[in-house]
All heavy atoms as atom14 arrays in JSON, in Angstrom:
{
  "sequence": "LVTSMKEHQRYFEVRNDQGMLLPHFISARNGDRVKL",
  "atom14_mask": [
    [1, 1, 1, 1, 1, 1, 1, 1, 0, 0, 0, 0, 0, 0],
    [1, 1, 1, 1, 1, 1, 1, 0, 0, 0, 0, 0, 0, 0],
    [1, 1, 1, 1, 1, 1, 1, 0, 0, 0, 0, 0, 0, 0],
    [1, 1, 1, 1, 1, 1, 0, 0, 0, 0, 0, 0, 0, 0],
    [1, 1, 1, 1, 1, 1, 1, 1, 0, 0, 0, 0, 0, 0],
    [1, 1, 1, 1, 1, 1, 1, 1, 1, 0, 0, 0, 0, 0],
    [1, 1, 1, 1, 1, 1, 1, 1, 1, 0, 0, 0, 0, 0],
    [1, 1, 1, 1, 1, 1, 1, 1, 1, 1, 0, 0, 0, 0],
    [1, 1, 1, 1, 1, 1, 1, 1, 1, 0, 0, 0, 0, 0],
    [1, 1, 1, 1, 1, 1, 1, 1, 1, 1, 1, 0, 0, 0],
    [1, 1, 1, 1, 1, 1, 1, 1, 1, 1, 1, 1, 0, 0],
    [1, 1, 1, 1, 1, 1, 1, 1, 1, 1, 1, 0, 0, 0],
    [1, 1, 1, 1, 1, 1, 1, 1, 1, 0, 0, 0, 0, 0],
    [1, 1, 1, 1, 1, 1, 1, 0, 0, 0, 0, 0, 0, 0],
    [1, 1, 1, 1, 1, 1, 1, 1, 1, 1, 1, 0, 0, 0],
    [1, 1, 1, 1, 1, 1, 1, 1, 0, 0, 0, 0, 0, 0],
    [1, 1, 1, 1, 1, 1, 1, 1, 0, 0, 0, 0, 0, 0],
    [1, 1, 1, 1, 1, 1, 1, 1, 1, 0, 0, 0, 0, 0],
    [1, 1, 1, 1, 0, 0, 0, 0, 0, 0, 0, 0, 0, 0],
    [1, 1, 1, 1, 1, 1, 1, 1, 0, 0, 0, 0, 0, 0],
    [1, 1, 1, 1, 1, 1, 1, 1, 0, 0, 0, 0, 0, 0],
    [1, 1, 1, 1, 1, 1, 1, 1, 0, 0, 0, 0, 0, 0],
    [1, 1, 1, 1, 1, 1, 1, 0, 0, 0, 0, 0, 0, 0],
    [1, 1, 1, 1, 1, 1, 1, 1, 1, 1, 0, 0, 0, 0],
    [1, 1, 1, 1, 1, 1, 1, 1, 1, 1, 1, 0, 0, 0],
    [1, 1, 1, 1, 1, 1, 1, 1, 0, 0, 0, 0, 0, 0],
    [1, 1, 1, 1, 1, 1, 0, 0, 0, 0, 0, 0, 0, 0],
    [1, 1, 1, 1, 1, 0, 0, 0, 0, 0, 0, 0, 0, 0],
    [1, 1, 1, 1, 1, 1, 1, 1, 1, 1, 1, 0, 0, 0],
    [1, 1, 1, 1, 1, 1, 1, 1, 0, 0, 0, 0, 0, 0],
    [1, 1, 1, 1, 0, 0, 0, 0, 0, 0, 0, 0, 0, 0],
    [1, 1, 1, 1, 1, 1, 1, 1, 0, 0, 0, 0, 0, 0],
    [1, 1, 1, 1, 1, 1, 1, 1, 1, 1, 1, 0, 0, 0],
    [1, 1, 1, 1, 1, 1, 1, 0, 0, 0, 0, 0, 0, 0],
    [1, 1, 1, 1, 1, 1, 1, 1, 1, 0, 0, 0, 0, 0],
    [1, 1, 1, 1, 1, 1, 1, 1, 0, 0, 0, 0, 0, 0]
  ],
  "atom14_positions": [
    [[198.73, 1.75, 4.42], [197.88, 2.31, 5.47], [198.7, 2.85, 6.62], [198.45, 3.95, 7.13], [196.91, 1.24, 5.98], [195.92, 0.65, 4.98], [195.04, -0.38, 5.66], [195.05, 1.73, 4.36], [0.0, 0.0, 0.0], [0.0, 0.0, 0.0], [0.0, 0.0, 0.0], [0.0, 0.0, 0.0], [0.0, 0.0, 0.0], [0.0, 0.0, 0.0]],
    [[199.69, 2.08, 7.04], [200.52, 2.48, 8.18], [201.29, 3.75, 7.85], [201.42, 4.66, 8.67], [201.47, 1.35, 8.6], [202.49, 1.84, 9.62], [200.68, 0.19, 9.19], [0.0, 0.0, 0.0], [0.0, 0.0, 0.0], [0.0, 0.0, 0.0], [0.0, 0.0, 0.0], [0.0, 0.0, 0.0], [0.0, 0.0, 0.0], [0.0, 0.0, 0.0]],
    [[201.79, 3.84, 6.61], [202.5, 5.06, 6.19], [201.56, 6.27, 6.23], [201.95, 7.34, 6.71], [203.08, 4.89, 4.77], [204.03, 3.83, 4.78], [203.76, 6.16, 4.3], [0.0, 0.0, 0.0], [0.0, 0.0, 0.0], [0.0, 0.0, 0.0], [0.0, 0.0, 0.0], [0.0, 0.0, 0.0], [0.0, 0.0, 0.0], [0.0, 0.0, 0.0]],
    [[200.34, 6.08, 5.74], [199.37, 7.18, 5.76], [199.09, 7.64, 7.18], [198.99, 8.84, 7.45], [198.05, 6.74, 5.11], [198.24, 6.49, 3.74], [0.0, 0.0, 0.0], [0.0, 0.0, 0.0], [0.0, 0.0, 0.0], [0.0, 0.0, 0.0], [0.0, 0.0, 0.0], [0.0, 0.0, 0.0], [0.0, 0.0, 0.0], [0.0, 0.0, 0.0]],
    [[199.0, 6.68, 8.09], [198.69, 7.04, 9.48], [199.9, 7.63, 10.2], [199.81, 8.67, 10.84], [198.18, 5.8, 10.24], [196.77, 5.4, 9.84], [196.06, 4.12, 10.9], [196.74, 2.65, 10.15], [0.0, 0.0, 0.0], [0.0, 0.0, 0.0], [0.0, 0.0, 0.0], [0.0, 0.0, 0.0], [0.0, 0.0, 0.0], [0.0, 0.0, 0.0]],
    [[201.03, 6.96, 10.08], [202.21, 7.37, 10.84], [202.85, 8.64, 10.3], [203.04, 9.63, 11.02], [203.27, 6.26, 10.83], [203.11, 5.23, 11.93], [204.33, 4.32, 11.93], [204.25, 3.36, 13.11], [205.42, 2.46, 13.14], [0.0, 0.0, 0.0], [0.0, 0.0, 0.0], [0.0, 0.0, 0.0], [0.0, 0.0, 0.0], [0.0, 0.0, 0.0]],
    [[203.22, 8.62, 9.02], [204.03, 9.7, 8.47], [203.21, 10.94, 8.12], [203.69, 12.06, 8.25], [204.81, 9.21, 7.26], [205.83, 8.13, 7.63], [206.72, 7.76, 6.46], [206.74, 8.5, 5.45], [207.36, 6.7, 6.55], [0.0, 0.0, 0.0], [0.0, 0.0, 0.0], [0.0, 0.0, 0.0], [0.0, 0.0, 0.0], [0.0, 0.0, 0.0]],
    [[201.96, 10.73, 7.67], [201.15, 11.88, 7.28], [200.37, 12.47, 8.44], [200.2, 13.68, 8.53], [200.18, 11.48, 6.16], [200.88, 11.06, 4.91], [200.3, 10.23, 3.97], [202.12, 11.33, 4.44], [201.15, 10.01, 2.97], [202.26, 10.67, 3.25], [0.0, 0.0, 0.0], [0.0, 0.0, 0.0], [0.0, 0.0, 0.0], [0.0, 0.0, 0.0]],
    [[199.87, 11.6, 9.33], [198.96, 12.07, 10.37], [199.51, 11.95, 11.79], [198.89, 12.41, 12.74], [197.64, 11.29, 10.29], [196.88, 11.49, 8.99], [196.6, 12.94, 8.7], [196.94, 13.45, 7.66], [195.99, 13.64, 9.65], [0.0, 0.0, 0.0], [0.0, 0.0, 0.0], [0.0, 0.0, 0.0], [0.0, 0.0, 0.0], [0.0, 0.0, 0.0]],
    [[200.65, 11.29, 11.95], [201.25, 11.06, 13.28], [200.31, 10.23, 14.17], [200.13, 10.52, 15.35], [201.59, 12.39, 13.99], [202.3, 13.42, 13.13], [203.67, 12.95, 12.67], [204.41, 14.0, 11.99], [204.4, 14.22, 10.68], [203.63, 13.46, 9.9], [205.12, 15.18, 10.14], [0.0, 0.0, 0.0], [0.0, 0.0, 0.0], [0.0, 0.0, 0.0]],
    [[199.71, 9.18, 13.57], [198.84, 8.28, 14.32], [199.58, 6.96, 14.57], [200.43, 6.56, 13.77], [197.56, 7.93, 13.54], [196.65, 9.08, 13.21], [195.72, 8.97, 12.17], [196.69, 10.28, 13.92], [194.87, 10.0, 11.85], [195.83, 11.33, 13.6], [194.93, 11.18, 12.56], [194.09, 12.22, 12.24], [0.0, 0.0, 0.0], [0.0, 0.0, 0.0]],
    [[199.21, 6.28, 15.66], [199.73, 4.94, 15.94], [198.71, 3.93, 15.44], [197.51, 4.07, 15.7], [199.94, 4.75, 17.45], [200.95, 5.72, 18.03], [200.53, 6.89, 18.64], [202.32, 5.45, 17.95], [201.46, 7.79, 19.18], [203.24, 6.34, 18.49], [202.82, 7.51, 19.09], [0.0, 0.0, 0.0], [0.0, 0.0, 0.0], [0.0, 0.0, 0.0]],
    [[199.2, 2.9, 14.74], [198.26, 1.9, 14.24], [197.85, 0.94, 15.35], [198.54, 0.82, 16.37], [198.85, 1.13, 13.05], [199.82, 0.02, 13.4], [201.28, 0.46, 13.4], [201.55, 1.65, 13.6], [202.14, -0.42, 13.21], [0.0, 0.0, 0.0], [0.0, 0.0, 0.0], [0.0, 0.0, 0.0], [0.0, 0.0, 0.0], [0.0, 0.0, 0.0]],
    [[196.76, 0.23, 15.12], [196.18, -0.68, 16.11], [196.06, -2.07, 15.48], [195.65, -2.2, 14.33], [194.79, -0.16, 16.55], [194.07, -1.2, 17.38], [194.93, 1.14, 17.34], [0.0, 0.0, 0.0], [0.0, 0.0, 0.0], [0.0, 0.0, 0.0], [0.0, 0.0, 0.0], [0.0, 0.0, 0.0], [0.0, 0.0, 0.0], [0.0, 0.0, 0.0]],
    [[196.41, -3.12, 16.26], [196.33, -4.5, 15.75], [195.59, -5.39, 16.74], [195.37, -5.03, 17.9], [197.74, -5.05, 15.51], [198.54, -4.27, 14.47], [199.95, -4.8, 14.29], [200.69, -3.97, 13.34], [200.65, -4.12, 12.03], [199.93, -5.1, 11.51], [201.33, -3.32, 11.23], [0.0, 0.0, 0.0], [0.0, 0.0, 0.0], [0.0, 0.0, 0.0]],
    [[195.2, -6.59, 16.25], [194.62, -7.58, 17.16], [195.74, -8.48, 17.68], [196.91, -8.3, 17.34], [193.5, -8.37, 16.47], [194.02, -9.19, 15.29], [195.22, -9.43, 15.14], [193.11, -9.64, 14.43], [0.0, 0.0, 0.0], [0.0, 0.0, 0.0], [0.0, 0.0, 0.0], [0.0, 0.0, 0.0], [0.0, 0.0, 0.0], [0.0, 0.0, 0.0]],
    [[195.36, -9.48, 18.49], [196.4, -10.32, 19.11], [197.08, -11.25, 18.11], [198.08, -11.89, 18.44], [195.84, -11.11, 20.3], [194.59, -11.91, 19.93], [194.24, -11.96, 18.73], [193.95, -12.47, 20.83], [0.0, 0.0, 0.0], [0.0, 0.0, 0.0], [0.0, 0.0, 0.0], [0.0, 0.0, 0.0], [0.0, 0.0, 0.0], [0.0, 0.0, 0.0]],
    [[196.55, -11.31, 16.87], [197.23, -12.06, 15.82], [198.16, -11.18, 14.98], [198.8, -11.63, 14.03], [196.22, -12.73, 14.87], [195.74, -14.1, 15.33], [194.54, -13.97, 16.26], [193.58, -13.26, 15.95], [194.61, -14.65, 17.39], [0.0, 0.0, 0.0], [0.0, 0.0, 0.0], [0.0, 0.0, 0.0], [0.0, 0.0, 0.0], [0.0, 0.0, 0.0]],
    [[198.21, -9.9, 15.34], [199.09, -8.98, 14.62], [198.46, -8.38, 13.38], [199.13, -7.69, 12.62], [0.0, 0.0, 0.0], [0.0, 0.0, 0.0], [0.0, 0.0, 0.0], [0.0, 0.0, 0.0], [0.0, 0.0, 0.0], [0.0, 0.0, 0.0], [0.0, 0.0, 0.0], [0.0, 0.0, 0.0], [0.0, 0.0, 0.0], [0.0, 0.0, 0.0]],
    [[197.16, -8.62, 13.18], [196.49, -8.08, 11.99], [196.03, -6.64, 12.25], [195.53, -6.32, 13.34], [195.28, -8.95, 11.62], [195.68, -10.33, 11.15], [194.23, -11.36, 10.81], [193.51, -10.48, 9.42], [0.0, 0.0, 0.0], [0.0, 0.0, 0.0], [0.0, 0.0, 0.0], [0.0, 0.0, 0.0], [0.0, 0.0, 0.0], [0.0, 0.0, 0.0]],
    [[196.17, -5.8, 11.24], [195.79, -4.4, 11.34], [194.29, -4.26, 11.52], [193.51, -4.93, 10.85], [196.24, -3.66, 10.07], [196.36, -2.14, 10.16], [197.45, -1.74, 11.15], [196.68, -1.57, 8.78], [0.0, 0.0, 0.0], [0.0, 0.0, 0.0], [0.0, 0.0, 0.0], [0.0, 0.0, 0.0], [0.0, 0.0, 0.0], [0.0, 0.0, 0.0]],
    [[193.87, -3.38, 12.43], [192.45, -3.12, 12.67], [192.11, -1.71, 12.17], [192.98, -0.85, 12.07], [192.16, -3.22, 14.17], [192.34, -4.6, 14.81], [192.15, -4.51, 16.32], [191.37, -5.61, 14.21], [0.0, 0.0, 0.0], [0.0, 0.0, 0.0], [0.0, 0.0, 0.0], [0.0, 0.0, 0.0], [0.0, 0.0, 0.0], [0.0, 0.0, 0.0]],
    [[190.81, -1.47, 11.87], [190.41, -0.16, 11.31], [190.26, 0.93, 12.39], [189.22, 1.58, 12.51], [189.07, -0.47, 10.64], [188.5, -1.58, 11.44], [189.66, -2.41, 11.9], [0.0, 0.0, 0.0], [0.0, 0.0, 0.0], [0.0, 0.0, 0.0], [0.0, 0.0, 0.0], [0.0, 0.0, 0.0], [0.0, 0.0, 0.0], [0.0, 0.0, 0.0]],
    [[191.31, 1.09, 13.2], [191.3, 2.1, 14.25], [192.68, 2.75, 14.31], [193.65, 2.23, 13.75], [190.99, 1.48, 15.62], [189.85, 0.51, 15.61], [188.54, 0.9, 15.41], [189.83, -0.84, 15.78], [187.75, -0.16, 15.45], [188.51, -1.23, 15.66], [0.0, 0.0, 0.0], [0.0, 0.0, 0.0], [0.0, 0.0, 0.0], [0.0, 0.0, 0.0]],
    [[192.78, 3.85, 15.01], [194.07, 4.5, 15.22], [194.08, 5.2, 16.57], [193.03, 5.45, 17.17], [194.37, 5.52, 14.1], [193.4, 6.67, 14.04], [193.62, 7.82, 14.8], [192.27, 6.62, 13.23], [192.72, 8.89, 14.76], [191.36, 7.67, 13.18], [191.6, 8.82, 13.95], [0.0, 0.0, 0.0], [0.0, 0.0, 0.0], [0.0, 0.0, 0.0]],
    [[195.27, 5.5, 17.06], [195.42, 6.22, 18.32], [196.25, 7.47, 18.06], [197.23, 7.43, 17.33], [196.1, 5.33, 19.39], [195.1, 4.27, 19.89], [196.63, 6.14, 20.55], [195.68, 3.29, 20.89], [0.0, 0.0, 0.0], [0.0, 0.0, 0.0], [0.0, 0.0, 0.0], [0.0, 0.0, 0.0], [0.0, 0.0, 0.0], [0.0, 0.0, 0.0]],
    [[195.82, 8.59, 18.64], [196.55, 9.84, 18.46], [196.48, 10.66, 19.75], [195.85, 10.24, 20.72], [195.94, 10.64, 17.3], [196.73, 11.79, 17.03], [0.0, 0.0, 0.0], [0.0, 0.0, 0.0], [0.0, 0.0, 0.0], [0.0, 0.0, 0.0], [0.0, 0.0, 0.0], [0.0, 0.0, 0.0], [0.0, 0.0, 0.0], [0.0, 0.0, 0.0]],
    [[197.16, 11.8, 19.76], [197.15, 12.67, 20.95], [196.84, 14.09, 20.52], [197.41, 14.6, 19.56], [198.49, 12.61, 21.67], [0.0, 0.0, 0.0], [0.0, 0.0, 0.0], [0.0, 0.0, 0.0], [0.0, 0.0, 0.0], [0.0, 0.0, 0.0], [0.0, 0.0, 0.0], [0.0, 0.0, 0.0], [0.0, 0.0, 0.0], [0.0, 0.0, 0.0]],
    [[195.94, 14.74, 21.23], [195.63, 16.14, 20.96], [196.39, 17.0, 21.97], [196.75, 16.54, 23.05], [194.13, 16.42, 21.07], [193.66, 16.61, 22.51], [192.21, 16.99, 22.64], [191.91, 18.34, 22.19], [190.77, 18.97, 22.43], [189.8, 18.37, 23.1], [190.55, 20.18, 21.99], [0.0, 0.0, 0.0], [0.0, 0.0, 0.0], [0.0, 0.0, 0.0]],
    [[196.59, 18.26, 21.62], [197.21, 19.2, 22.55], [196.1, 19.94, 23.29], [195.67, 21.01, 22.89], [198.09, 20.2, 21.78], [198.81, 21.15, 22.73], [199.03, 20.83, 23.88], [199.15, 22.33, 22.24], [0.0, 0.0, 0.0], [0.0, 0.0, 0.0], [0.0, 0.0, 0.0], [0.0, 0.0, 0.0], [0.0, 0.0, 0.0], [0.0, 0.0, 0.0]],
    [[195.61, 19.33, 24.38], [194.51, 19.91, 25.12], [193.86, 18.9, 26.04], [194.37, 17.79, 26.21], [0.0, 0.0, 0.0], [0.0, 0.0, 0.0], [0.0, 0.0, 0.0], [0.0, 0.0, 0.0], [0.0, 0.0, 0.0], [0.0, 0.0, 0.0], [0.0, 0.0, 0.0], [0.0, 0.0, 0.0], [0.0, 0.0, 0.0], [0.0, 0.0, 0.0]],
    [[192.71, 19.27, 26.6], [192.03, 18.37, 27.54], [190.96, 17.55, 26.81], [190.96, 17.47, 25.59], [191.44, 19.17, 28.7], [190.48, 20.26, 28.24], [190.08, 20.24, 27.05], [190.11, 21.13, 29.06], [0.0, 0.0, 0.0], [0.0, 0.0, 0.0], [0.0, 0.0, 0.0], [0.0, 0.0, 0.0], [0.0, 0.0, 0.0], [0.0, 0.0, 0.0]],
    [[190.04, 16.99, 27.57], [189.04, 16.1, 26.98], [187.76, 16.84, 26.55], [186.83, 16.23, 26.03], [188.66, 14.99, 27.97], [189.86, 14.21, 28.51], [189.44, 12.91, 29.17], [189.02, 11.95, 28.18], [189.86, 11.19, 27.46], [191.15, 11.31, 27.63], [189.39, 10.34, 26.57], [0.0, 0.0, 0.0], [0.0, 0.0, 0.0], [0.0, 0.0, 0.0]],
    [[187.7, 18.15, 26.76], [186.51, 18.91, 26.39], [186.31, 18.88, 24.87], [187.24, 19.12, 24.11], [186.62, 20.38, 26.89], [185.45, 21.21, 26.38], [186.69, 20.42, 28.41], [0.0, 0.0, 0.0], [0.0, 0.0, 0.0], [0.0, 0.0, 0.0], [0.0, 0.0, 0.0], [0.0, 0.0, 0.0], [0.0, 0.0, 0.0], [0.0, 0.0, 0.0]],
    [[185.1, 18.55, 24.45], [184.74, 18.46, 23.02], [185.66, 17.5, 22.26], [185.92, 17.69, 21.07], [184.8, 19.85, 22.36], [183.87, 20.88, 22.96], [182.42, 20.62, 22.6], [181.52, 21.73, 23.08], [180.09, 21.44, 22.86], [0.0, 0.0, 0.0], [0.0, 0.0, 0.0], [0.0, 0.0, 0.0], [0.0, 0.0, 0.0], [0.0, 0.0, 0.0]],
    [[186.14, 16.48, 22.96], [187.07, 15.54, 22.34], [186.44, 14.81, 21.15], [187.12, 14.46, 20.18], [187.57, 14.52, 23.38], [188.76, 13.64, 22.98], [189.98, 14.49, 22.64], [189.09, 12.66, 24.09], [0.0, 0.0, 0.0], [0.0, 0.0, 0.0], [0.0, 0.0, 0.0], [0.0, 0.0, 0.0], [0.0, 0.0, 0.0], [0.0, 0.0, 0.0]]
  ]
}
């Protein structure tokens, strides 16, 4: 999952305080918040 997110999509993975992977991701767009 992490490879799919990081290497293919350039996303950062998200975990809980126990270090377990959560079904979310963080990314950055080139632009403002309009129609985000």
